[in-house]
Amino acid sequence: MQRTVPRALILTVLAIAFSSAATGAAEADKIKHSIAVFSGLDKITGRIISFEVAMNETVQFGSLLITDRVCYTRPPTEAPQTDTFVQVDQVDADKTTKRIFSGWMFAASPGLNALDQPVYDIWLTNCKGTEQLIPSPSATQSTPEPEEPEAGAPAGPGNPAPAPPPASDKTAKTHHARHPDAAPAQDNGPVEVGPPPGFQPPPDNGDDGDSDQPPPPDNSNPDR
């Protein structure tokens, strides 16, 4: 007895496969071109012409104004895909313009996002001109920083020896010991020094401010 696979399951598998393929194509490298090549159809006369539109320039086809913004192809190593972002304005009889299309067009699938206009039809055929490679986001990710060596690992070209620890405070005081009579140095501000030999402070006269008068002479010497 044969078993039939449910249709919903088949559609789910196909949707997952299509989503994965679309994600891979979106992350692939792109080649940016300066010119987009279009074909235009006049539905009244049945005439088809080919025209080129440079990036960020506007070309008129009938009553349509076509402005191309960017045109991409893929490298030979990737799946072929040519797409462009284009904006189309329509010029009415009173010379006013109206935006009738703004979006992506795909050369491989012209009907996927087609222009809806009763008289004219345009579609993308190719990209040309100067080329600029646009790397995929995964290729532009920064490389991770190297990990620190484990403790006890031997030093080598890829594992340099750690720097010696800084000297402790006791070692610094031993090498930079001062004379016992010298005044201690402060980290901030001027260094304080002791009074000169024989200096006597002036008598306190009860004034709060500092006196500008010099101190009295020292009469304690019996030889004088």
N, C-alpha and C. Protein backbone atom coordinates (compact mmCIF):
# COMPACT_ATOMS: atom_id res chain seq x y z
N MET A 1 0.86 -1.19 0.00
CA MET A 1 0.00 0.00 0.00
C MET A 1 0.89 1.24 0.00
N GLN A 2 0.66 2.10 -0.97
CA GLN A 2 1.48 3.29 -1.08
C GLN A 2 0.89 4.41 -0.22
N ARG A 3 1.81 5.21 0.31
CA ARG A 3 1.39 6.33 1.15
C ARG A 3 1.59 7.62 0.37
N THR A 4 0.65 8.49 0.43
CA THR A 4 0.74 9.78 -0.24
C THR A 4 1.22 10.83 0.75
N VAL A 5 2.16 11.63 0.30
CA VAL A 5 2.69 12.69 1.16
C VAL A 5 1.72 13.87 1.12
N PRO A 6 1.35 14.41 2.26
CA PRO A 6 0.43 15.55 2.26
C PRO A 6 0.99 16.72 1.47
N ARG A 7 0.11 17.39 0.78
CA ARG A 7 0.53 18.53 -0.05
C ARG A 7 1.06 19.67 0.81
N ALA A 8 0.48 19.86 1.98
CA ALA A 8 0.95 20.93 2.86
C ALA A 8 2.40 20.72 3.27
N LEU A 9 2.78 19.45 3.50
CA LEU A 9 4.16 19.16 3.87
C LEU A 9 5.11 19.47 2.72
N ILE A 10 4.70 19.14 1.50
CA ILE A 10 5.55 19.44 0.34
C ILE A 10 5.73 20.94 0.18
N LEU A 11 4.65 21.70 0.32
CA LEU A 11 4.76 23.16 0.20
C LEU A 11 5.63 23.75 1.29
N THR A 12 5.56 23.18 2.49
CA THR A 12 6.40 23.69 3.58
C THR A 12 7.87 23.45 3.30
N VAL A 13 8.21 22.27 2.81
CA VAL A 13 9.61 21.97 2.48
C VAL A 13 10.11 22.87 1.37
N LEU A 14 9.29 23.09 0.34
CA LEU A 14 9.69 23.97 -0.75
C LEU A 14 9.87 25.40 -0.28
N ALA A 15 9.02 25.85 0.62
CA ALA A 15 9.15 27.22 1.14
C ALA A 15 10.43 27.39 1.94
N ILE A 16 10.78 26.38 2.74
CA ILE A 16 12.03 26.45 3.52
C ILE A 16 13.23 26.46 2.59
N ALA A 17 13.21 25.63 1.56
CA ALA A 17 14.33 25.58 0.61
C ALA A 17 14.46 26.90 -0.13
N PHE A 18 13.35 27.49 -0.55
CA PHE A 18 13.40 28.76 -1.26
C PHE A 18 13.91 29.87 -0.35
N SER A 19 13.49 29.86 0.93
CA SER A 19 13.95 30.88 1.87
C SER A 19 15.44 30.77 2.10
N SER A 20 15.97 29.54 2.22
CA SER A 20 17.41 29.36 2.41
C SER A 20 18.19 29.84 1.19
N ALA A 21 17.68 29.55 0.00
CA ALA A 21 18.36 29.99 -1.21
C ALA A 21 18.34 31.50 -1.33
N ALA A 22 17.23 32.12 -0.97
CA ALA A 22 17.15 33.58 -1.04
C ALA A 22 18.08 34.23 -0.03
N THR A 23 18.20 33.64 1.17
CA THR A 23 19.12 34.19 2.16
C THR A 23 20.56 34.08 1.70
N GLY A 24 20.93 32.95 1.11
CA GLY A 24 22.29 32.80 0.60
C GLY A 24 22.58 33.77 -0.52
N ALA A 25 21.59 34.01 -1.39
CA ALA A 25 21.81 34.96 -2.48
C ALA A 25 21.94 36.38 -1.95
N ALA A 26 21.18 36.71 -0.88
CA ALA A 26 21.26 38.06 -0.33
C ALA A 26 22.59 38.31 0.33
N GLU A 27 23.23 37.27 0.89
CA GLU A 27 24.50 37.45 1.57
C GLU A 27 25.69 37.28 0.63
N ALA A 28 25.45 36.96 -0.65
CA ALA A 28 26.55 36.76 -1.58
C ALA A 28 27.15 38.10 -1.96
N ASP A 29 28.37 38.05 -2.50
CA ASP A 29 29.03 39.26 -2.97
C ASP A 29 28.25 39.85 -4.15
N LYS A 30 28.32 41.17 -4.27
CA LYS A 30 27.65 41.88 -5.36
C LYS A 30 28.68 42.68 -6.14
N ILE A 31 28.36 42.96 -7.40
CA ILE A 31 29.15 43.84 -8.24
C ILE A 31 28.27 45.03 -8.60
N LYS A 32 28.67 46.20 -8.15
CA LYS A 32 27.89 47.42 -8.40
C LYS A 32 28.33 48.05 -9.72
N HIS A 33 27.38 48.35 -10.58
CA HIS A 33 27.65 48.94 -11.89
C HIS A 33 27.12 50.37 -11.93
N SER A 34 27.63 51.12 -12.90
CA SER A 34 27.25 52.53 -13.03
C SER A 34 26.13 52.76 -14.03
N ILE A 35 25.76 51.75 -14.81
CA ILE A 35 24.74 51.91 -15.86
C ILE A 35 23.80 50.71 -15.82
N ALA A 36 22.51 50.99 -15.94
CA ALA A 36 21.48 49.95 -16.07
C ALA A 36 20.92 49.99 -17.49
N VAL A 37 20.71 48.82 -18.07
CA VAL A 37 20.20 48.69 -19.43
C VAL A 37 18.75 48.20 -19.35
N PHE A 38 17.85 48.94 -19.97
CA PHE A 38 16.42 48.62 -19.96
C PHE A 38 15.92 48.38 -21.38
N SER A 39 14.80 47.71 -21.46
CA SER A 39 14.02 47.61 -22.70
C SER A 39 12.66 48.23 -22.44
N GLY A 40 12.18 49.01 -23.41
CA GLY A 40 10.89 49.67 -23.27
C GLY A 40 9.94 49.29 -24.40
N LEU A 41 8.70 49.06 -24.07
CA LEU A 41 7.67 48.66 -25.03
C LEU A 41 6.58 49.71 -25.08
N ASP A 42 6.29 50.19 -26.30
CA ASP A 42 5.13 51.03 -26.53
C ASP A 42 3.99 50.10 -26.94
N LYS A 43 3.02 49.94 -26.05
CA LYS A 43 1.95 48.98 -26.28
C LYS A 43 1.03 49.39 -27.43
N ILE A 44 1.01 50.65 -27.81
CA ILE A 44 0.14 51.10 -28.89
C ILE A 44 0.76 50.77 -30.25
N THR A 45 2.04 51.07 -30.40
CA THR A 45 2.73 50.81 -31.68
C THR A 45 3.39 49.44 -31.71
N GLY A 46 3.59 48.83 -30.55
CA GLY A 46 4.28 47.55 -30.48
C GLY A 46 5.78 47.65 -30.67
N ARG A 47 6.32 48.85 -30.58
CA ARG A 47 7.75 49.06 -30.80
C ARG A 47 8.51 48.84 -29.49
N ILE A 48 9.63 48.14 -29.58
CA ILE A 48 10.50 47.89 -28.43
C ILE A 48 11.85 48.53 -28.70
N ILE A 49 12.32 49.31 -27.78
CA ILE A 49 13.63 49.94 -27.90
C ILE A 49 14.42 49.63 -26.63
N SER A 50 15.74 49.68 -26.77
CA SER A 50 16.65 49.48 -25.64
C SER A 50 17.33 50.81 -25.32
N PHE A 51 17.44 51.12 -24.06
CA PHE A 51 18.06 52.38 -23.64
C PHE A 51 18.81 52.15 -22.34
N GLU A 52 19.75 53.05 -22.08
CA GLU A 52 20.61 52.96 -20.90
C GLU A 52 20.33 54.13 -19.97
N VAL A 53 20.44 53.86 -18.68
CA VAL A 53 20.24 54.88 -17.66
C VAL A 53 21.42 54.82 -16.70
N ALA A 54 22.18 55.92 -16.61
CA ALA A 54 23.29 55.97 -15.67
C ALA A 54 22.76 56.13 -14.25
N MET A 55 23.57 55.73 -13.29
CA MET A 55 23.16 55.77 -11.89
C MET A 55 22.87 57.20 -11.46
N ASN A 56 21.72 57.39 -10.82
CA ASN A 56 21.25 58.69 -10.31
C ASN A 56 21.00 59.70 -11.43
N GLU A 57 20.75 59.23 -12.65
CA GLU A 57 20.35 60.09 -13.75
C GLU A 57 18.95 59.69 -14.22
N THR A 58 18.29 60.61 -14.93
CA THR A 58 16.92 60.40 -15.38
C THR A 58 16.86 60.41 -16.90
N VAL A 59 16.17 59.42 -17.47
CA VAL A 59 15.97 59.29 -18.91
C VAL A 59 14.47 59.23 -19.17
N GLN A 60 14.03 59.93 -20.24
CA GLN A 60 12.61 59.94 -20.58
C GLN A 60 12.32 58.92 -21.68
N PHE A 61 11.30 58.11 -21.45
CA PHE A 61 10.80 57.14 -22.43
C PHE A 61 9.31 57.38 -22.58
N GLY A 62 8.92 58.00 -23.69
CA GLY A 62 7.53 58.39 -23.85
C GLY A 62 7.15 59.43 -22.81
N SER A 63 6.14 59.14 -22.03
CA SER A 63 5.74 60.04 -20.95
C SER A 63 6.29 59.59 -19.60
N LEU A 64 7.25 58.68 -19.61
CA LEU A 64 7.83 58.16 -18.38
C LEU A 64 9.21 58.75 -18.15
N LEU A 65 9.51 59.04 -16.90
CA LEU A 65 10.83 59.50 -16.47
C LEU A 65 11.43 58.39 -15.61
N ILE A 66 12.51 57.77 -16.09
CA ILE A 66 13.13 56.63 -15.41
C ILE A 66 14.41 57.10 -14.74
N THR A 67 14.51 56.90 -13.43
CA THR A 67 15.70 57.25 -12.65
C THR A 67 16.24 55.98 -12.00
N ASP A 68 17.46 55.63 -12.37
CA ASP A 68 18.09 54.43 -11.80
C ASP A 68 18.94 54.82 -10.60
N ARG A 69 18.84 54.05 -9.54
CA ARG A 69 19.59 54.33 -8.32
C ARG A 69 20.80 53.41 -8.15
N VAL A 70 20.66 52.14 -8.43
CA VAL A 70 21.77 51.21 -8.29
C VAL A 70 21.48 49.99 -9.14
N CYS A 71 22.54 49.35 -9.66
CA CYS A 71 22.38 48.16 -10.50
C CYS A 71 23.44 47.15 -10.08
N TYR A 72 23.02 45.93 -9.76
CA TYR A 72 23.91 44.90 -9.24
C TYR A 72 23.91 43.67 -10.15
N THR A 73 25.09 43.07 -10.26
CA THR A 73 25.22 41.71 -10.79
C THR A 73 25.97 40.89 -9.75
N ARG A 74 26.23 39.63 -10.06
CA ARG A 74 26.93 38.74 -9.14
C ARG A 74 28.20 38.24 -9.80
N PRO A 75 29.23 37.88 -9.00
CA PRO A 75 30.46 37.32 -9.57
C PRO A 75 30.19 36.00 -10.27
N PRO A 76 31.11 35.56 -11.14
CA PRO A 76 30.91 34.29 -11.84
C PRO A 76 30.82 33.09 -10.90
N THR A 77 31.39 33.21 -9.70
CA THR A 77 31.33 32.09 -8.76
C THR A 77 29.99 31.97 -8.06
N GLU A 78 29.13 32.99 -8.18
CA GLU A 78 27.82 32.97 -7.53
C GLU A 78 26.73 32.67 -8.56
N ALA A 79 25.55 32.42 -8.06
CA ALA A 79 24.40 32.21 -8.95
C ALA A 79 24.09 33.51 -9.70
N PRO A 80 23.83 33.45 -11.01
CA PRO A 80 23.60 34.68 -11.78
C PRO A 80 22.35 35.41 -11.30
N GLN A 81 22.50 36.70 -11.06
CA GLN A 81 21.37 37.52 -10.65
C GLN A 81 21.69 38.97 -11.00
N THR A 82 20.78 39.62 -11.70
CA THR A 82 20.93 41.02 -12.08
C THR A 82 19.69 41.76 -11.61
N ASP A 83 19.88 42.78 -10.79
CA ASP A 83 18.75 43.53 -10.28
C ASP A 83 19.11 45.00 -10.18
N THR A 84 18.10 45.83 -10.13
CA THR A 84 18.29 47.27 -10.05
C THR A 84 17.17 47.88 -9.23
N PHE A 85 17.48 49.01 -8.59
CA PHE A 85 16.46 49.78 -7.90
C PHE A 85 16.18 51.01 -8.76
N VAL A 86 14.93 51.14 -9.19
CA VAL A 86 14.57 52.17 -10.16
C VAL A 86 13.31 52.89 -9.69
N GLN A 87 13.22 54.16 -10.05
CA GLN A 87 12.04 54.98 -9.76
C GLN A 87 11.50 55.52 -11.08
N VAL A 88 10.18 55.42 -11.26
CA VAL A 88 9.53 55.83 -12.51
C VAL A 88 8.46 56.85 -12.19
N ASP A 89 8.52 58.00 -12.87
CA ASP A 89 7.51 59.05 -12.75
C ASP A 89 6.79 59.20 -14.08
N GLN A 90 5.53 59.54 -14.02
CA GLN A 90 4.72 59.75 -15.22
C GLN A 90 4.40 61.22 -15.37
N VAL A 91 4.61 61.75 -16.59
CA VAL A 91 4.30 63.15 -16.89
C VAL A 91 2.89 63.19 -17.49
N ASP A 92 1.98 63.88 -16.82
CA ASP A 92 0.60 63.98 -17.29
C ASP A 92 0.47 65.09 -18.34
N ALA A 93 -0.74 65.23 -18.86
CA ALA A 93 -0.98 66.23 -19.92
C ALA A 93 -0.77 67.65 -19.42
N ASP A 94 -1.00 67.89 -18.13
CA ASP A 94 -0.81 69.23 -17.58
C ASP A 94 0.61 69.46 -17.08
N LYS A 95 1.55 68.60 -17.50
CA LYS A 95 2.98 68.72 -17.18
C LYS A 95 3.29 68.43 -15.71
N THR A 96 2.39 67.85 -15.00
CA THR A 96 2.67 67.44 -13.63
C THR A 96 3.19 66.01 -13.62
N THR A 97 4.05 65.72 -12.66
CA THR A 97 4.64 64.38 -12.56
C THR A 97 4.05 63.64 -11.37
N LYS A 98 3.97 62.33 -11.52
CA LYS A 98 3.43 61.48 -10.47
C LYS A 98 4.25 60.20 -10.40
N ARG A 99 4.68 59.83 -9.20
CA ARG A 99 5.46 58.62 -9.00
C ARG A 99 4.54 57.40 -9.14
N ILE A 100 4.87 56.53 -10.11
CA ILE A 100 4.04 55.35 -10.34
C ILE A 100 4.78 54.05 -10.03
N PHE A 101 6.10 54.14 -9.80
CA PHE A 101 6.84 52.92 -9.47
C PHE A 101 8.10 53.31 -8.72
N SER A 102 8.42 52.53 -7.70
CA SER A 102 9.66 52.69 -6.95
C SER A 102 9.98 51.35 -6.29
N GLY A 103 10.97 50.65 -6.81
CA GLY A 103 11.30 49.34 -6.26
C GLY A 103 12.34 48.63 -7.09
N TRP A 104 12.52 47.35 -6.81
CA TRP A 104 13.52 46.53 -7.47
C TRP A 104 12.93 45.86 -8.70
N MET A 105 13.75 45.78 -9.75
CA MET A 105 13.44 45.01 -10.94
C MET A 105 14.51 43.95 -11.12
N PHE A 106 14.09 42.77 -11.58
CA PHE A 106 14.99 41.63 -11.74
C PHE A 106 15.01 41.22 -13.21
N ALA A 107 16.23 41.13 -13.75
CA ALA A 107 16.36 40.78 -15.16
C ALA A 107 15.87 39.37 -15.44
N ALA A 108 16.08 38.44 -14.50
CA ALA A 108 15.69 37.06 -14.72
C ALA A 108 14.18 36.86 -14.58
N SER A 109 13.50 37.76 -13.87
CA SER A 109 12.05 37.63 -13.66
C SER A 109 11.40 38.99 -13.87
N PRO A 110 11.17 39.40 -15.11
CA PRO A 110 10.58 40.73 -15.35
C PRO A 110 9.19 40.89 -14.75
N GLY A 111 8.43 39.82 -14.65
CA GLY A 111 7.08 39.93 -14.11
C GLY A 111 7.00 39.86 -12.60
N LEU A 112 8.14 39.69 -11.91
CA LEU A 112 8.10 39.56 -10.46
C LEU A 112 7.68 40.86 -9.80
N ASN A 113 8.19 41.99 -10.28
CA ASN A 113 7.82 43.31 -9.76
C ASN A 113 7.73 44.26 -10.95
N ALA A 114 6.70 44.07 -11.76
CA ALA A 114 6.60 44.76 -13.04
C ALA A 114 5.95 46.13 -12.88
N LEU A 115 6.20 46.98 -13.87
CA LEU A 115 5.58 48.30 -13.92
C LEU A 115 4.15 48.17 -14.44
N ASP A 116 3.21 48.77 -13.73
CA ASP A 116 1.79 48.71 -14.11
C ASP A 116 1.41 50.04 -14.75
N GLN A 117 1.43 50.08 -16.09
CA GLN A 117 1.11 51.30 -16.84
C GLN A 117 0.39 50.89 -18.13
N PRO A 118 -0.70 51.54 -18.51
CA PRO A 118 -1.50 51.05 -19.64
C PRO A 118 -0.84 51.23 -21.00
N VAL A 119 0.09 52.16 -21.15
CA VAL A 119 0.65 52.45 -22.47
C VAL A 119 2.06 51.91 -22.62
N TYR A 120 2.87 52.01 -21.57
CA TYR A 120 4.28 51.65 -21.67
C TYR A 120 4.61 50.52 -20.71
N ASP A 121 5.66 49.83 -21.06
CA ASP A 121 6.20 48.76 -20.21
C ASP A 121 7.71 48.80 -20.32
N ILE A 122 8.40 48.72 -19.20
CA ILE A 122 9.86 48.69 -19.19
C ILE A 122 10.31 47.55 -18.30
N TRP A 123 11.48 47.00 -18.59
CA TRP A 123 12.05 45.94 -17.78
C TRP A 123 13.57 45.98 -17.90
N LEU A 124 14.25 45.46 -16.88
CA LEU A 124 15.71 45.45 -16.82
C LEU A 124 16.25 44.28 -17.64
N THR A 125 17.33 44.55 -18.39
CA THR A 125 17.98 43.49 -19.16
C THR A 125 19.41 43.23 -18.72
N ASN A 126 20.12 44.26 -18.25
CA ASN A 126 21.53 44.04 -17.90
C ASN A 126 22.06 45.24 -17.12
N CYS A 127 23.24 45.06 -16.54
CA CYS A 127 24.01 46.13 -15.91
C CYS A 127 25.36 46.22 -16.61
N LYS A 128 25.89 47.41 -16.74
CA LYS A 128 27.18 47.59 -17.41
C LYS A 128 27.88 48.80 -16.81
N GLY A 129 29.06 49.12 -17.37
CA GLY A 129 29.82 50.26 -16.88
C GLY A 129 30.85 49.85 -15.86
N THR A 130 31.33 50.81 -15.11
CA THR A 130 32.35 50.55 -14.10
C THR A 130 31.84 49.56 -13.06
N GLU A 131 32.76 48.77 -12.53
CA GLU A 131 32.40 47.72 -11.58
C GLU A 131 33.05 47.99 -10.22
N GLN A 132 32.29 47.72 -9.18
CA GLN A 132 32.77 47.84 -7.80
C GLN A 132 32.25 46.66 -7.01
N LEU A 133 33.17 45.87 -6.46
CA LEU A 133 32.79 44.68 -5.70
C LEU A 133 32.31 45.08 -4.32
N ILE A 134 31.13 44.60 -3.96
CA ILE A 134 30.55 44.84 -2.64
C ILE A 134 30.59 43.52 -1.88
N PRO A 135 31.50 43.36 -0.88
CA PRO A 135 31.58 42.08 -0.15
C PRO A 135 30.31 41.82 0.63
N SER A 136 30.07 40.55 0.88
CA SER A 136 28.92 40.16 1.69
C SER A 136 29.15 40.54 3.14
N PRO A 137 28.09 40.72 3.94
CA PRO A 137 28.28 41.09 5.35
C PRO A 137 29.10 40.09 6.12
N SER A 138 28.99 38.79 5.81
CA SER A 138 29.76 37.79 6.54
C SER A 138 31.25 37.91 6.27
N ALA A 139 31.64 38.41 5.08
CA ALA A 139 33.05 38.55 4.75
C ALA A 139 33.68 39.77 5.39
N THR A 140 32.85 40.76 5.79
CA THR A 140 33.37 41.99 6.38
C THR A 140 33.39 41.96 7.90
N GLN A 141 33.02 40.84 8.50
CA GLN A 141 33.05 40.75 9.96
C GLN A 141 34.48 40.77 10.45
N SER A 142 34.69 41.43 11.58
CA SER A 142 36.03 41.55 12.15
C SER A 142 36.48 40.21 12.70
N THR A 143 37.79 39.99 12.61
CA THR A 143 38.37 38.76 13.13
C THR A 143 38.41 38.81 14.65
N PRO A 144 38.21 37.69 15.35
CA PRO A 144 38.22 37.71 16.81
C PRO A 144 39.62 37.97 17.34
N GLU A 145 39.66 38.57 18.52
CA GLU A 145 40.94 38.86 19.16
C GLU A 145 41.57 37.56 19.67
N PRO A 146 42.91 37.49 19.64
CA PRO A 146 43.56 36.27 20.13
C PRO A 146 43.34 36.09 21.62
N GLU A 147 43.20 34.83 22.02
CA GLU A 147 42.98 34.52 23.43
C GLU A 147 44.27 34.62 24.21
N GLU A 148 44.13 34.94 25.50
CA GLU A 148 45.28 35.04 26.37
C GLU A 148 45.84 33.65 26.66
N PRO A 149 47.17 33.51 26.77
CA PRO A 149 47.75 32.19 27.05
C PRO A 149 47.35 31.69 28.42
N GLU A 150 47.23 30.38 28.54
CA GLU A 150 46.87 29.79 29.81
C GLU A 150 48.04 29.87 30.79
N ALA A 151 47.70 29.79 32.07
CA ALA A 151 48.72 29.86 33.10
C ALA A 151 49.63 28.64 33.02
N GLY A 152 50.94 28.87 33.11
CA GLY A 152 51.90 27.77 33.07
C GLY A 152 52.30 27.35 31.67
N ALA A 153 51.74 27.98 30.62
CA ALA A 153 52.10 27.61 29.25
C ALA A 153 53.48 28.15 28.93
N PRO A 154 54.32 27.40 28.20
CA PRO A 154 55.67 27.88 27.88
C PRO A 154 55.62 29.06 26.94
N ALA A 155 56.57 29.97 27.10
CA ALA A 155 56.65 31.15 26.25
C ALA A 155 57.18 30.76 24.88
N GLY A 156 56.68 31.41 23.86
CA GLY A 156 57.09 31.13 22.49
C GLY A 156 56.71 32.28 21.60
N PRO A 157 56.87 32.12 20.26
CA PRO A 157 56.52 33.21 19.35
C PRO A 157 55.05 33.58 19.44
N GLY A 158 54.17 32.61 19.58
CA GLY A 158 52.75 32.90 19.68
C GLY A 158 52.26 33.04 21.10
N ASN A 159 53.15 32.84 22.06
CA ASN A 159 52.77 32.91 23.46
C ASN A 159 53.88 33.63 24.22
N PRO A 160 53.94 34.97 24.14
CA PRO A 160 55.04 35.69 24.80
C PRO A 160 54.95 35.58 26.31
N ALA A 161 56.11 35.72 26.93
CA ALA A 161 56.17 35.65 28.39
C ALA A 161 55.51 36.88 28.99
N PRO A 162 54.82 36.74 30.13
CA PRO A 162 54.16 37.90 30.74
C PRO A 162 55.18 38.87 31.30
N ALA A 163 54.81 40.14 31.36
CA ALA A 163 55.68 41.17 31.88
C ALA A 163 55.85 41.00 33.38
N PRO A 164 57.04 41.35 33.94
CA PRO A 164 57.25 41.22 35.39
C PRO A 164 56.34 42.15 36.15
N PRO A 165 55.92 41.77 37.37
CA PRO A 165 55.02 42.63 38.15
C PRO A 165 55.74 43.88 38.61
N PRO A 166 55.02 44.98 38.81
CA PRO A 166 55.65 46.21 39.28
C PRO A 166 56.18 46.06 40.71
N ALA A 167 57.17 46.87 41.03
CA ALA A 167 57.78 46.82 42.35
C ALA A 167 56.78 47.22 43.42
N SER A 168 56.84 46.56 44.58
CA SER A 168 55.91 46.87 45.67
C SER A 168 56.29 48.18 46.33
N ASP A 169 55.40 48.66 47.22
CA ASP A 169 55.65 49.92 47.91
C ASP A 169 56.84 49.82 48.85
N LYS A 170 57.02 48.64 49.49
CA LYS A 170 58.15 48.49 50.41
C LYS A 170 59.47 48.56 49.66
N THR A 171 59.53 47.91 48.47
CA THR A 171 60.77 47.96 47.69
C THR A 171 61.08 49.37 47.25
N ALA A 172 60.03 50.11 46.83
CA ALA A 172 60.26 51.47 46.38
C ALA A 172 60.76 52.33 47.53
N LYS A 173 60.22 52.13 48.75
CA LYS A 173 60.68 52.92 49.89
C LYS A 173 62.11 52.57 50.27
N THR A 174 62.51 51.29 50.09
CA THR A 174 63.87 50.90 50.42
C THR A 174 64.88 51.55 49.50
N HIS A 175 64.58 51.61 48.20
CA HIS A 175 65.53 52.18 47.24
C HIS A 175 65.52 53.69 47.27
N HIS A 176 64.44 54.31 47.74
CA HIS A 176 64.35 55.76 47.72
C HIS A 176 64.20 56.29 49.14
N ALA A 177 64.95 55.74 50.10
CA ALA A 177 64.85 56.20 51.49
C ALA A 177 65.46 57.58 51.61
N ARG A 178 64.83 58.42 52.43
CA ARG A 178 65.30 59.78 52.64
C ARG A 178 66.14 59.84 53.92
N HIS A 179 66.82 60.94 54.05
CA HIS A 179 67.55 61.21 55.28
C HIS A 179 66.55 61.40 56.41
N PRO A 180 66.84 60.90 57.64
CA PRO A 180 65.85 61.01 58.73
C PRO A 180 65.51 62.43 59.08
N ASP A 181 66.44 63.39 58.86
CA ASP A 181 66.16 64.78 59.22
C ASP A 181 65.40 65.52 58.13
N ALA A 182 65.30 64.91 56.96
CA ALA A 182 64.64 65.61 55.87
C ALA A 182 63.14 65.57 56.08
N ALA A 183 62.50 66.64 55.65
CA ALA A 183 61.05 66.73 55.80
C ALA A 183 60.38 65.79 54.82
N PRO A 184 59.30 65.17 55.24
CA PRO A 184 58.62 64.24 54.33
C PRO A 184 58.04 64.99 53.14
N ALA A 185 58.13 64.35 51.98
CA ALA A 185 57.60 64.96 50.75
C ALA A 185 56.12 64.65 50.63
N GLN A 186 55.40 65.60 50.11
CA GLN A 186 53.98 65.44 49.89
C GLN A 186 53.73 65.17 48.42
N ASP A 187 52.65 64.48 48.20
CA ASP A 187 52.33 64.16 46.81
C ASP A 187 51.91 65.39 46.04
N ASN A 188 51.14 66.27 46.69
CA ASN A 188 50.63 67.45 46.01
C ASN A 188 51.07 68.69 46.78
N GLY A 189 51.34 69.75 46.03
CA GLY A 189 51.69 71.01 46.66
C GLY A 189 53.18 71.12 46.96
N PRO A 190 53.61 72.26 47.48
CA PRO A 190 55.05 72.46 47.79
C PRO A 190 55.49 71.62 48.97
N VAL A 191 56.80 71.40 49.05
CA VAL A 191 57.39 70.62 50.15
C VAL A 191 57.64 71.54 51.33
N GLU A 192 57.21 71.14 52.55
CA GLU A 192 57.41 71.94 53.75
C GLU A 192 58.81 71.69 54.30
N VAL A 193 59.46 72.76 54.78
CA VAL A 193 60.79 72.66 55.37
C VAL A 193 60.73 73.18 56.80
N GLY A 194 61.76 72.82 57.68
CA GLY A 194 61.80 73.26 59.06
C GLY A 194 62.32 74.69 59.19
N PRO A 195 62.16 75.33 60.36
CA PRO A 195 62.65 76.70 60.55
C PRO A 195 64.18 76.72 60.62
N PRO A 196 64.83 77.84 60.31
CA PRO A 196 66.29 77.94 60.40
C PRO A 196 66.75 77.91 61.85
N PRO A 197 68.05 77.59 62.12
CA PRO A 197 68.56 77.54 63.50
C PRO A 197 68.45 78.90 64.18
N GLY A 198 68.03 78.93 65.45
CA GLY A 198 67.92 80.16 66.21
C GLY A 198 66.66 80.94 65.96
N PHE A 199 65.76 80.40 65.10
CA PHE A 199 64.53 81.14 64.78
C PHE A 199 63.56 81.04 65.94
N GLN A 200 62.99 82.19 66.35
CA GLN A 200 61.96 82.23 67.38
C GLN A 200 60.70 82.83 66.78
N PRO A 201 59.60 82.21 67.04
CA PRO A 201 58.36 82.78 66.49
C PRO A 201 58.04 84.10 67.13
N PRO A 202 57.42 85.02 66.44
CA PRO A 202 57.06 86.33 67.01
C PRO A 202 56.00 86.16 68.08
N PRO A 203 55.99 87.09 69.07
CA PRO A 203 54.97 87.00 70.14
C PRO A 203 53.58 87.19 69.57
N ASP A 204 52.65 86.52 70.19
CA ASP A 204 51.25 86.59 69.77
C ASP A 204 50.63 87.83 70.37
N ASN A 205 50.32 88.83 69.56
CA ASN A 205 49.74 90.09 70.03
C ASN A 205 48.22 90.07 70.00
N GLY A 206 47.70 88.90 69.70
CA GLY A 206 46.24 88.79 69.68
C GLY A 206 45.63 89.16 68.36
N ASP A 207 46.47 89.50 67.34
CA ASP A 207 45.90 89.86 66.04
C ASP A 207 45.57 88.59 65.29
N ASP A 208 44.48 88.64 64.62
CA ASP A 208 44.09 87.48 63.82
C ASP A 208 44.88 87.40 62.53
N GLY A 209 45.21 88.54 61.95
CA GLY A 209 45.93 88.53 60.68
C GLY A 209 47.41 88.38 60.89
N ASP A 210 48.15 88.17 59.86
CA ASP A 210 49.61 88.05 59.89
C ASP A 210 50.22 89.43 60.01
N SER A 211 51.25 89.58 60.81
CA SER A 211 51.95 90.86 61.01
C SER A 211 53.06 90.99 60.01
N ASP A 212 53.20 92.19 59.46
CA ASP A 212 54.28 92.45 58.50
C ASP A 212 55.57 92.87 59.19
N GLN A 213 55.56 93.07 60.57
CA GLN A 213 56.76 93.49 61.27
C GLN A 213 57.72 92.32 61.41
N PRO A 214 59.04 92.55 61.27
CA PRO A 214 60.03 91.48 61.43
C PRO A 214 60.12 91.06 62.88
N PRO A 215 60.60 89.85 63.20
CA PRO A 215 60.70 89.38 64.59
C PRO A 215 61.78 90.16 65.34
N PRO A 216 61.65 90.31 66.70
CA PRO A 216 62.66 91.05 67.48
C PRO A 216 63.98 90.29 67.50
N PRO A 217 65.08 91.01 67.71
CA PRO A 217 66.39 90.35 67.72
C PRO A 217 66.52 89.42 68.91
N ASP A 218 67.41 88.45 68.80
CA ASP A 218 67.63 87.44 69.84
C ASP A 218 68.65 87.98 70.82
N ASN A 219 68.22 88.34 72.10
CA ASN A 219 69.11 88.87 73.13
C ASN A 219 69.52 87.82 74.14
N SER A 220 69.32 86.56 73.82
CA SER A 220 69.65 85.52 74.78
C SER A 220 71.12 85.19 74.80
N ASN A 221 71.94 85.75 73.91
CA ASN A 221 73.37 85.45 73.86
C ASN A 221 74.08 86.30 74.90
N PRO A 222 74.75 85.73 75.89
CA PRO A 222 75.39 86.53 76.97
C PRO A 222 76.60 87.29 76.48
N ASP A 223 77.20 86.95 75.36
CA ASP A 223 78.40 87.65 74.91
C ASP A 223 78.06 89.00 74.33
N ARG A 224 76.78 89.28 74.00
CA ARG A 224 76.43 90.52 73.34
C ARG A 224 76.21 91.63 74.34
